[in-house]
Amino acid sequence: MTLVEVTYELQSPLSEEQLRHLGEFANIYGLRRFRLDDSKKQLSFEYDASRLRETEVAHALGRAKIVVTRKVN
């Protein structure tokens, strides 16, 4: 298992609908957890890089209609 963390800067605070979509991320194989930092408008994901690619995490964000401005790390 190769754990990787990626952090994105959010365009705006998340809506209730977007937060519900985040709850569905638990169903993505390889995604271990996520952390939301409202004060910095950042969303971090920890995932198993041997099972999931960063592009798949970004794709899941798009499906949840979560707009990010940039990748922080």
C-alpha atoms as a PDB file:
ATOM      1  CA  MET A   1       0.000   0.000   0.000  1.00  0.00           C
ATOM      2  CA  THR A   2       1.330   3.404  -1.012  1.00  0.00           C
ATOM      3  CA  LEU A   3      -0.508   6.187   0.786  1.00  0.00           C
ATOM      4  CA  VAL A   4      -0.599   9.578  -0.895  1.00  0.00           C
ATOM      5  CA  GLU A   5      -2.263  12.798   0.192  1.00  0.00           C
ATOM      6  CA  VAL A   6      -3.380  15.468  -2.240  1.00  0.00           C
ATOM      7  CA  THR A   7      -4.801  18.855  -1.223  1.00  0.00           C
ATOM      8  CA  TYR A   8      -6.918  21.157  -3.365  1.00  0.00           C
ATOM      9  CA  GLU A   9      -7.922  24.773  -2.844  1.00  0.00           C
ATOM     10  CA  LEU A  10     -11.673  25.205  -3.187  1.00  0.00           C
ATOM     11  CA  GLN A  11     -13.194  27.944  -5.295  1.00  0.00           C
ATOM     12  CA  SER A  12     -15.890  28.521  -2.671  1.00  0.00           C
ATOM     13  CA  PRO A  13     -17.199  26.940   0.531  1.00  0.00           C
ATOM     14  CA  LEU A  14     -19.028  23.665  -0.072  1.00  0.00           C
ATOM     15  CA  SER A  15     -22.807  23.559  -0.247  1.00  0.00           C
ATOM     16  CA  GLU A  16     -24.941  21.016   1.576  1.00  0.00           C
ATOM     17  CA  GLU A  17     -25.331  19.040  -1.656  1.00  0.00           C
ATOM     18  CA  GLN A  18     -21.559  18.932  -2.213  1.00  0.00           C
ATOM     19  CA  LEU A  19     -21.026  17.772   1.380  1.00  0.00           C
ATOM     20  CA  ARG A  20     -23.486  14.931   0.769  1.00  0.00           C
ATOM     21  CA  HIS A  21     -21.513  13.947  -2.327  1.00  0.00           C
ATOM     22  CA  LEU A  22     -18.349  13.845  -0.220  1.00  0.00           C
ATOM     23  CA  GLY A  23     -20.045  11.241   1.950  1.00  0.00           C
ATOM     24  CA  GLU A  24     -20.405   9.065  -1.145  1.00  0.00           C
ATOM     25  CA  PHE A  25     -16.627   9.124  -1.664  1.00  0.00           C
ATOM     26  CA  ALA A  26     -16.395   6.322   0.889  1.00  0.00           C
ATOM     27  CA  ASN A  27     -17.545   4.028  -1.929  1.00  0.00           C
ATOM     28  CA  ILE A  28     -14.478   4.787  -4.076  1.00  0.00           C
ATOM     29  CA  TYR A  29     -12.070   1.860  -3.854  1.00  0.00           C
ATOM     30  CA  GLY A  30      -8.650   3.041  -2.628  1.00  0.00           C
ATOM     31  CA  LEU A  31      -9.808   6.318  -1.101  1.00  0.00           C
ATOM     32  CA  ARG A  32      -9.019   6.158   2.599  1.00  0.00           C
ATOM     33  CA  ARG A  33     -10.242   9.498   3.941  1.00  0.00           C
ATOM     34  CA  PHE A  34     -10.760  13.152   3.237  1.00  0.00           C
ATOM     35  CA  ARG A  35     -10.365  16.259   5.364  1.00  0.00           C
ATOM     36  CA  LEU A  36     -12.090  19.591   4.856  1.00  0.00           C
ATOM     37  CA  ASP A  37     -10.482  22.762   6.210  1.00  0.00           C
ATOM     38  CA  ASP A  38     -13.123  25.480   5.900  1.00  0.00           C
ATOM     39  CA  SER A  39     -10.849  28.214   7.263  1.00  0.00           C
ATOM     40  CA  LYS A  40      -8.344  27.695   4.437  1.00  0.00           C
ATOM     41  CA  LYS A  41     -10.919  26.560   1.861  1.00  0.00           C
ATOM     42  CA  GLN A  42      -8.947  23.358   1.318  1.00  0.00           C
ATOM     43  CA  LEU A  43      -9.963  19.765   0.767  1.00  0.00           C
ATOM     44  CA  SER A  44      -7.429  16.941   1.266  1.00  0.00           C
ATOM     45  CA  PHE A  45      -7.693  13.309   0.240  1.00  0.00           C
ATOM     46  CA  GLU A  46      -5.631  10.364   1.400  1.00  0.00           C
ATOM     47  CA  TYR A  47      -5.670   7.458  -1.017  1.00  0.00           C
ATOM     48  CA  ASP A  48      -3.853   4.252  -1.858  1.00  0.00           C
ATOM     49  CA  ALA A  49      -1.815   5.057  -4.974  1.00  0.00           C
ATOM     50  CA  SER A  50      -1.504   1.365  -5.826  1.00  0.00           C
ATOM     51  CA  ARG A  51      -5.296   1.239  -6.307  1.00  0.00           C
ATOM     52  CA  LEU A  52      -6.279   4.773  -7.319  1.00  0.00           C
ATOM     53  CA  ARG A  53      -4.702   7.560  -9.364  1.00  0.00           C
ATOM     54  CA  GLU A  54      -4.852  11.266  -8.647  1.00  0.00           C
ATOM     55  CA  THR A  55      -6.741  11.822 -11.896  1.00  0.00           C
ATOM     56  CA  GLU A  56      -9.498   9.539 -10.588  1.00  0.00           C
ATOM     57  CA  VAL A  57      -9.737  11.637  -7.405  1.00  0.00           C
ATOM     58  CA  ALA A  58     -10.027  14.785  -9.537  1.00  0.00           C
ATOM     59  CA  HIS A  59     -12.676  13.093 -11.688  1.00  0.00           C
ATOM     60  CA  ALA A  60     -14.687  12.216  -8.571  1.00  0.00           C
ATOM     61  CA  LEU A  61     -14.540  15.880  -7.517  1.00  0.00           C
ATOM     62  CA  GLY A  62     -15.940  16.864 -10.898  1.00  0.00           C
ATOM     63  CA  ARG A  63     -18.804  14.385 -10.584  1.00  0.00           C
ATOM     64  CA  ALA A  64     -19.609  15.902  -7.180  1.00  0.00           C
ATOM     65  CA  LYS A  65     -19.599  19.383  -8.789  1.00  0.00           C
ATOM     66  CA  ILE A  66     -16.834  20.540  -6.445  1.00  0.00           C
ATOM     67  CA  VAL A  67     -14.786  23.239  -8.149  1.00  0.00           C
ATOM     68  CA  VAL A  68     -11.138  23.566  -7.172  1.00  0.00           C
ATOM     69  CA  THR A  69      -8.880  26.452  -8.148  1.00  0.00           C
ATOM     70  CA  ARG A  70      -5.567  24.660  -7.826  1.00  0.00           C
ATOM     71  CA  LYS A  71      -3.706  21.744  -6.341  1.00  0.00           C
ATOM     72  CA  VAL A  72      -1.862  22.877  -3.195  1.00  0.00           C
ATOM     73  CA  ASN A  73       0.614  19.995  -2.907  1.00  0.00           C
END
